[in-house]
């Protein structure tokens, strides 16, 4: 069973012609790399936003130093 799938996109004709002129570029590999980086970055952004929301909901009235001191005293 293959671990890959096909995802098709439409691009302007002019862009496709220019890509064909640039034969030295492996377009499939470049597109895979760029999409992979974009997915990774967007996933990080989503996780960071979720973490910020969780932290916002946890509202603590003590400073980090006070929390650490309290843990050490216990």
PDB file of N, CA and C in Angstrom:
ATOM      1  N   UNK A   1       0.839  -1.178   0.000  1.00  0.00           N
ATOM      2  CA  UNK A   1       0.000   0.000   0.000  1.00  0.00           C
ATOM      3  C   UNK A   1       0.891   1.250   0.000  1.00  0.00           C
ATOM      4  N   UNK A   2       0.549   2.217  -0.824  1.00  0.00           N
ATOM      5  CA  UNK A   2       1.338   3.440  -0.951  1.00  0.00           C
ATOM      6  C   UNK A   2       1.113   4.361   0.244  1.00  0.00           C
ATOM      7  N   UNK A   3       2.159   5.080   0.611  1.00  0.00           N
ATOM      8  CA  UNK A   3       2.052   6.054   1.704  1.00  0.00           C
ATOM      9  C   UNK A   3       1.897   7.470   1.165  1.00  0.00           C
ATOM     10  N   UNK A   4       1.651   7.580  -0.130  1.00  0.00           N
ATOM     11  CA  UNK A   4       1.498   8.892  -0.756  1.00  0.00           C
ATOM     12  C   UNK A   4       0.140   8.987  -1.427  1.00  0.00           C
ATOM     13  N   UNK A   5      -0.289  10.213  -1.671  1.00  0.00           N
ATOM     14  CA  UNK A   5      -1.552  10.466  -2.343  1.00  0.00           C
ATOM     15  C   UNK A   5      -1.355  11.600  -3.345  1.00  0.00           C
ATOM     16  N   UNK A   6      -2.322  11.795  -4.211  1.00  0.00           N
ATOM     17  CA  UNK A   6      -2.235  12.835  -5.233  1.00  0.00           C
ATOM     18  C   UNK A   6      -3.123  14.003  -4.829  1.00  0.00           C
ATOM     19  N   UNK A   7      -2.599  15.222  -4.976  1.00  0.00           N
ATOM     20  CA  UNK A   7      -3.347  16.444  -4.723  1.00  0.00           C
ATOM     21  C   UNK A   7      -3.129  17.331  -5.935  1.00  0.00           C
ATOM     22  N   UNK A   8      -4.182  17.620  -6.692  1.00  0.00           N
ATOM     23  CA  UNK A   8      -4.058  18.398  -7.925  1.00  0.00           C
ATOM     24  C   UNK A   8      -4.424  19.858  -7.682  1.00  0.00           C
ATOM     25  N   UNK A   9      -3.730  20.748  -8.388  1.00  0.00           N
ATOM     26  CA  UNK A   9      -4.046  22.180  -8.322  1.00  0.00           C
ATOM     27  C   UNK A   9      -4.087  22.740  -9.741  1.00  0.00           C
ATOM     28  N   UNK A  10      -4.767  23.844  -9.901  1.00  0.00           N
ATOM     29  CA  UNK A  10      -4.786  24.544 -11.181  1.00  0.00           C
ATOM     30  C   UNK A  10      -3.912  25.784 -11.050  1.00  0.00           C
ATOM     31  N   UNK A  11      -3.072  26.001 -12.060  1.00  0.00           N
ATOM     32  CA  UNK A  11      -2.203  27.176 -12.076  1.00  0.00           C
ATOM     33  C   UNK A  11      -2.385  27.875 -13.418  1.00  0.00           C
ATOM     34  N   UNK A  12      -2.077  29.174 -13.470  1.00  0.00           N
ATOM     35  CA  UNK A  12      -2.204  29.894 -14.730  1.00  0.00           C
ATOM     36  C   UNK A  12      -1.296  29.301 -15.818  1.00  0.00           C
ATOM     37  N   UNK A  13      -1.762  29.371 -17.044  1.00  0.00           N
ATOM     38  CA  UNK A  13      -1.024  28.818 -18.186  1.00  0.00           C
ATOM     39  C   UNK A  13       0.372  29.431 -18.281  1.00  0.00           C
ATOM     40  N   UNK A  14       0.468  30.728 -18.092  1.00  0.00           N
ATOM     41  CA  UNK A  14       1.773  31.400 -18.180  1.00  0.00           C
ATOM     42  C   UNK A  14       2.763  30.868 -17.161  1.00  0.00           C
ATOM     43  N   UNK A  15       2.274  30.622 -15.963  1.00  0.00           N
ATOM     44  CA  UNK A  15       3.135  30.074 -14.924  1.00  0.00           C
ATOM     45  C   UNK A  15       3.628  28.684 -15.316  1.00  0.00           C
ATOM     46  N   UNK A  16       2.727  27.872 -15.840  1.00  0.00           N
ATOM     47  CA  UNK A  16       3.107  26.512 -16.264  1.00  0.00           C
ATOM     48  C   UNK A  16       4.160  26.556 -17.369  1.00  0.00           C
ATOM     49  N   UNK A  17       3.994  27.476 -18.330  1.00  0.00           N
ATOM     50  CA  UNK A  17       4.969  27.593 -19.421  1.00  0.00           C
ATOM     51  C   UNK A  17       6.338  27.986 -18.879  1.00  0.00           C
ATOM     52  N   UNK A  18       6.343  28.918 -17.939  1.00  0.00           N
ATOM     53  CA  UNK A  18       7.607  29.342 -17.342  1.00  0.00           C
ATOM     54  C   UNK A  18       8.258  28.190 -16.585  1.00  0.00           C
ATOM     55  N   UNK A  19       7.449  27.415 -15.873  1.00  0.00           N
ATOM     56  CA  UNK A  19       7.977  26.248 -15.156  1.00  0.00           C
ATOM     57  C   UNK A  19       8.606  25.264 -16.133  1.00  0.00           C
ATOM     58  N   UNK A  20       7.974  25.048 -17.269  1.00  0.00           N
ATOM     59  CA  UNK A  20       8.503  24.123 -18.267  1.00  0.00           C
ATOM     60  C   UNK A  20       9.820  24.621 -18.852  1.00  0.00           C
ATOM     61  N   UNK A  21       9.979  25.942 -18.945  1.00  0.00           N
ATOM     62  CA  UNK A  21      11.235  26.506 -19.443  1.00  0.00           C
ATOM     63  C   UNK A  21      12.369  26.291 -18.440  1.00  0.00           C
ATOM     64  N   UNK A  22      12.034  26.226 -17.181  1.00  0.00           N
ATOM     65  CA  UNK A  22      13.030  26.037 -16.126  1.00  0.00           C
ATOM     66  C   UNK A  22      13.171  24.547 -15.819  1.00  0.00           C
ATOM     67  N   UNK A  23      13.677  23.814 -16.777  1.00  0.00           N
ATOM     68  CA  UNK A  23      13.771  22.355 -16.678  1.00  0.00           C
ATOM     69  C   UNK A  23      14.729  21.881 -15.592  1.00  0.00           C
ATOM     70  N   UNK A  24      15.647  22.749 -15.186  1.00  0.00           N
ATOM     71  CA  UNK A  24      16.626  22.328 -14.187  1.00  0.00           C
ATOM     72  C   UNK A  24      16.009  22.198 -12.785  1.00  0.00           C
ATOM     73  N   UNK A  25      14.793  22.704 -12.620  1.00  0.00           N
ATOM     74  CA  UNK A  25      14.120  22.637 -11.321  1.00  0.00           C
ATOM     75  C   UNK A  25      13.257  21.381 -11.262  1.00  0.00           C
ATOM     76  N   UNK A  26      13.373  20.639 -10.187  1.00  0.00           N
ATOM     77  CA  UNK A  26      12.510  19.479  -9.945  1.00  0.00           C
ATOM     78  C   UNK A  26      11.260  20.008  -9.247  1.00  0.00           C
ATOM     79  N   UNK A  27      10.243  20.353 -10.034  1.00  0.00           N
ATOM     80  CA  UNK A  27       9.057  21.022  -9.518  1.00  0.00           C
ATOM     81  C   UNK A  27       8.294  20.180  -8.517  1.00  0.00           C
ATOM     82  N   UNK A  28       8.201  18.893  -8.760  1.00  0.00           N
ATOM     83  CA  UNK A  28       7.490  18.037  -7.808  1.00  0.00           C
ATOM     84  C   UNK A  28       8.143  18.095  -6.431  1.00  0.00           C
ATOM     85  N   UNK A  29       9.448  17.969  -6.410  1.00  0.00           N
ATOM     86  CA  UNK A  29      10.160  17.988  -5.132  1.00  0.00           C
ATOM     87  C   UNK A  29      10.069  19.361  -4.468  1.00  0.00           C
ATOM     88  N   UNK A  30      10.220  20.417  -5.246  1.00  0.00           N
ATOM     89  CA  UNK A  30      10.137  21.773  -4.689  1.00  0.00           C
ATOM     90  C   UNK A  30       8.747  22.046  -4.110  1.00  0.00           C
ATOM     91  N   UNK A  31       7.722  21.644  -4.823  1.00  0.00           N
ATOM     92  CA  UNK A  31       6.354  21.865  -4.344  1.00  0.00           C
ATOM     93  C   UNK A  31       6.099  21.053  -3.080  1.00  0.00           C
ATOM     94  N   UNK A  32       6.563  19.794  -3.048  1.00  0.00           N
ATOM     95  CA  UNK A  32       6.419  18.978  -1.834  1.00  0.00           C
ATOM     96  C   UNK A  32       7.105  19.649  -0.652  1.00  0.00           C
ATOM     97  N   UNK A  33       8.313  20.164  -0.883  1.00  0.00           N
ATOM     98  CA  UNK A  33       9.078  20.800   0.195  1.00  0.00           C
ATOM     99  C   UNK A  33       8.352  22.041   0.724  1.00  0.00           C
ATOM    100  N   UNK A  34       7.898  22.895  -0.187  1.00  0.00           N
ATOM    101  CA  UNK A  34       7.228  24.138   0.215  1.00  0.00           C
ATOM    102  C   UNK A  34       5.920  23.834   0.946  1.00  0.00           C
ATOM    103  N   UNK A  35       5.143  22.893   0.431  1.00  0.00           N
ATOM    104  CA  UNK A  35       3.886  22.525   1.089  1.00  0.00           C
ATOM    105  C   UNK A  35       4.180  21.943   2.466  1.00  0.00           C
ATOM    106  N   UNK A  36       5.191  21.108   2.568  1.00  0.00           N
ATOM    107  CA  UNK A  36       5.561  20.536   3.867  1.00  0.00           C
ATOM    108  C   UNK A  36       5.934  21.604   4.880  1.00  0.00           C
ATOM    109  N   UNK A  37       6.723  22.591   4.461  1.00  0.00           N
ATOM    110  CA  UNK A  37       7.112  23.687   5.355  1.00  0.00           C
ATOM    111  C   UNK A  37       5.894  24.506   5.772  1.00  0.00           C
ATOM    112  N   UNK A  38       5.006  24.777   4.826  1.00  0.00           N
ATOM    113  CA  UNK A  38       3.807  25.557   5.133  1.00  0.00           C
ATOM    114  C   UNK A  38       2.922  24.821   6.134  1.00  0.00           C
ATOM    115  N   UNK A  39       2.722  23.531   5.926  1.00  0.00           N
ATOM    116  CA  UNK A  39       1.908  22.736   6.849  1.00  0.00           C
ATOM    117  C   UNK A  39       2.535  22.742   8.242  1.00  0.00           C
ATOM    118  N   UNK A  40       3.849  22.569   8.308  1.00  0.00           N
ATOM    119  CA  UNK A  40       4.556  22.563   9.593  1.00  0.00           C
ATOM    120  C   UNK A  40       4.395  23.907  10.307  1.00  0.00           C
ATOM    121  N   UNK A  41       4.581  25.003   9.576  1.00  0.00           N
ATOM    122  CA  UNK A  41       4.474  26.332  10.182  1.00  0.00           C
ATOM    123  C   UNK A  41       3.051  26.631  10.635  1.00  0.00           C
ATOM    124  N   UNK A  42       2.065  26.284   9.812  1.00  0.00           N
ATOM    125  CA  UNK A  42       0.665  26.534  10.179  1.00  0.00           C
ATOM    126  C   UNK A  42       0.263  25.683  11.379  1.00  0.00           C
ATOM    127  N   UNK A  43       0.778  24.455  11.465  1.00  0.00           N
ATOM    128  CA  UNK A  43       0.484  23.600  12.617  1.00  0.00           C
ATOM    129  C   UNK A  43       1.061  24.208  13.888  1.00  0.00           C
ATOM    130  N   UNK A  44       2.284  24.731  13.800  1.00  0.00           N
ATOM    131  CA  UNK A  44       2.907  25.388  14.953  1.00  0.00           C
ATOM    132  C   UNK A  44       2.090  26.601  15.385  1.00  0.00           C
ATOM    133  N   UNK A  45       1.639  27.402  14.405  1.00  0.00           N
ATOM    134  CA  UNK A  45       0.835  28.583  14.723  1.00  0.00           C
ATOM    135  C   UNK A  45      -0.455  28.184  15.430  1.00  0.00           C
ATOM    136  N   UNK A  46      -1.095  27.125  14.953  1.00  0.00           N
ATOM    137  CA  UNK A  46      -2.339  26.662  15.568  1.00  0.00           C
ATOM    138  C   UNK A  46      -2.095  26.199  17.006  1.00  0.00           C
ATOM    139  N   UNK A  47      -1.036  25.406  17.211  1.00  0.00           N
ATOM    140  CA  UNK A  47      -0.724  24.924  18.557  1.00  0.00           C
ATOM    141  C   UNK A  47      -0.400  26.077  19.506  1.00  0.00           C
ATOM    142  N   UNK A  48       0.335  27.072  19.008  1.00  0.00           N
ATOM    143  CA  UNK A  48       0.667  28.226  19.834  1.00  0.00           C
ATOM    144  C   UNK A  48      -0.588  28.998  20.207  1.00  0.00           C
ATOM    145  N   UNK A  49      -1.497  29.190  19.270  1.00  0.00           N
ATOM    146  CA  UNK A  49      -2.752  29.886  19.555  1.00  0.00           C
ATOM    147  C   UNK A  49      -3.572  29.119  20.587  1.00  0.00           C
ATOM    148  N   UNK A  50      -3.619  27.792  20.459  1.00  0.00           N
ATOM    149  CA  UNK A  50      -4.349  26.977  21.430  1.00  0.00           C
ATOM    150  C   UNK A  50      -3.713  27.080  22.815  1.00  0.00           C
ATOM    151  N   UNK A  51      -2.380  27.057  22.862  1.00  0.00           N
ATOM    152  CA  UNK A  51      -1.676  27.165  24.140  1.00  0.00           C
ATOM    153  C   UNK A  51      -1.939  28.525  24.782  1.00  0.00           C
ATOM    154  N   UNK A  52      -1.974  29.571  23.979  1.00  0.00           N
ATOM    155  CA  UNK A  52      -2.253  30.909  24.517  1.00  0.00           C
ATOM    156  C   UNK A  52      -3.661  30.977  25.092  1.00  0.00           C
ATOM    157  N   UNK A  53      -4.619  30.347  24.421  1.00  0.00           N
ATOM    158  CA  UNK A  53      -5.995  30.330  24.918  1.00  0.00           C
ATOM    159  C   UNK A  53      -6.078  29.559  26.238  1.00  0.00           C
ATOM    160  N   UNK A  54      -5.375  28.444  26.319  1.00  0.00           N
ATOM    161  CA  UNK A  54      -5.371  27.657  27.554  1.00  0.00           C
ATOM    162  C   UNK A  54      -4.750  28.466  28.684  1.00  0.00           C
ATOM    163  N   UNK A  55      -3.643  29.119  28.380  1.00  0.00           N
ATOM    164  CA  UNK A  55      -2.977  29.926  29.411  1.00  0.00           C
ATOM    165  C   UNK A  55      -3.861  31.083  29.853  1.00  0.00           C
ATOM    166  N   UNK A  56      -4.550  31.694  28.895  1.00  0.00           N
ATOM    167  CA  UNK A  56      -5.447  32.802  29.203  1.00  0.00           C
ATOM    168  C   UNK A  56      -6.561  32.337  30.141  1.00  0.00           C
ATOM    169  N   UNK A  57      -7.058  31.129  29.923  1.00  0.00           N
ATOM    170  CA  UNK A  57      -8.129  30.579  30.743  1.00  0.00           C
ATOM    171  C   UNK A  57      -7.632  30.201  32.143  1.00  0.00           C
ATOM    172  N   UNK A  58      -6.330  30.017  32.308  1.00  0.00           N
ATOM    173  CA  UNK A  58      -5.771  29.589  33.591  1.00  0.00           C
ATOM    174  C   UNK A  58      -5.476  30.758  34.521  1.00  0.00           C
ATOM    175  N   UNK A  59      -5.668  31.967  34.132  1.00  0.00           N
ATOM    176  CA  UNK A  59      -5.385  33.180  34.902  1.00  0.00           C
ATOM    177  C   UNK A  59      -4.993  32.923  36.360  1.00  0.00           C
ATOM    178  N   UNK A  60      -3.710  33.098  36.662  1.00  0.00           N
ATOM    179  CA  UNK A  60      -3.179  32.933  38.011  1.00  0.00           C
ATOM    180  C   UNK A  60      -2.755  34.302  38.512  1.00  0.00           C
ATOM    181  N   UNK A  61      -3.099  34.601  39.763  1.00  0.00           N
ATOM    182  CA  UNK A  61      -2.784  35.923  40.323  1.00  0.00           C
ATOM    183  C   UNK A  61      -1.385  36.007  40.927  1.00  0.00           C
ATOM    184  N   UNK A  62      -0.609  34.949  40.827  1.00  0.00           N
ATOM    185  CA  UNK A  62       0.741  34.937  41.399  1.00  0.00           C
ATOM    186  C   UNK A  62       1.767  35.005  40.266  1.00  0.00           C
ATOM    187  N   UNK A  63       2.927  35.556  40.597  1.00  0.00           N
ATOM    188  CA  UNK A  63       4.008  35.603  39.608  1.00  0.00           C
ATOM    189  C   UNK A  63       4.661  34.232  39.497  1.00  0.00           C
ATOM    190  N   UNK A  64       5.421  34.046  38.458  1.00  0.00           N
ATOM    191  CA  UNK A  64       6.124  32.772  38.267  1.00  0.00           C
ATOM    192  C   UNK A  64       7.069  32.505  39.428  1.00  0.00           C
ATOM    193  N   UNK A  65       7.741  33.542  39.894  1.00  0.00           N
ATOM    194  CA  UNK A  65       8.678  33.384  41.016  1.00  0.00           C
ATOM    195  C   UNK A  65       7.949  32.914  42.267  1.00  0.00           C
ATOM    196  N   UNK A  66       6.766  33.464  42.516  1.00  0.00           N
ATOM    197  CA  UNK A  66       5.992  33.055  43.695  1.00  0.00           C
ATOM    198  C   UNK A  66       5.542  31.599  43.583  1.00  0.00           C
ATOM    199  N   UNK A  67       5.137  31.189  42.383  1.00  0.00           N
ATOM    200  CA  UNK A  67       4.712  29.806  42.180  1.00  0.00           C
ATOM    201  C   UNK A  67       5.870  28.837  42.395  1.00  0.00           C
ATOM    202  N   UNK A  68       7.048  29.190  41.872  1.00  0.00           N
ATOM    203  CA  UNK A  68       8.228  28.343  42.034  1.00  0.00           C
ATOM    204  C   UNK A  68       8.623  28.268  43.506  1.00  0.00           C
ATOM    205  N   UNK A  69       8.609  29.398  44.175  1.00  0.00           N
ATOM    206  CA  UNK A  69       8.971  29.428  45.605  1.00  0.00           C
ATOM    207  C   UNK A  69       8.010  28.533  46.399  1.00  0.00           C
ATOM    208  N   UNK A  70       6.718  28.623  46.089  1.00  0.00           N
ATOM    209  CA  UNK A  70       5.720  27.801  46.784  1.00  0.00           C
ATOM    210  C   UNK A  70       5.966  26.324  46.552  1.00  0.00           C
ATOM    211  N   UNK A  71       6.300  25.940  45.344  1.00  0.00           N
ATOM    212  CA  UNK A  71       6.594  24.527  45.052  1.00  0.00           C
ATOM    213  C   UNK A  71       7.828  24.053  45.812  1.00  0.00           C
ATOM    214  N   UNK A  72       8.835  24.898  45.893  1.00  0.00           N
ATOM    215  CA  UNK A  72      10.074  24.503  46.580  1.00  0.00           C
ATOM    216  C   UNK A  72       9.852  24.354  48.088  1.00  0.00           C
ATOM    217  N   UNK A  73       8.978  25.173  48.636  1.00  0.00           N
ATOM    218  CA  UNK A  73       8.713  25.120  50.081  1.00  0.00           C
ATOM    219  C   UNK A  73       7.921  23.873  50.459  1.00  0.00           C
ATOM    220  N   UNK A  74       7.171  23.332  49.523  1.00  0.00           N
ATOM    221  CA  UNK A  74       6.373  22.129  49.816  1.00  0.00           C
ATOM    222  C   UNK A  74       7.239  20.961  49.807  1.00  0.00           C
TER     223      UNK A  74
END
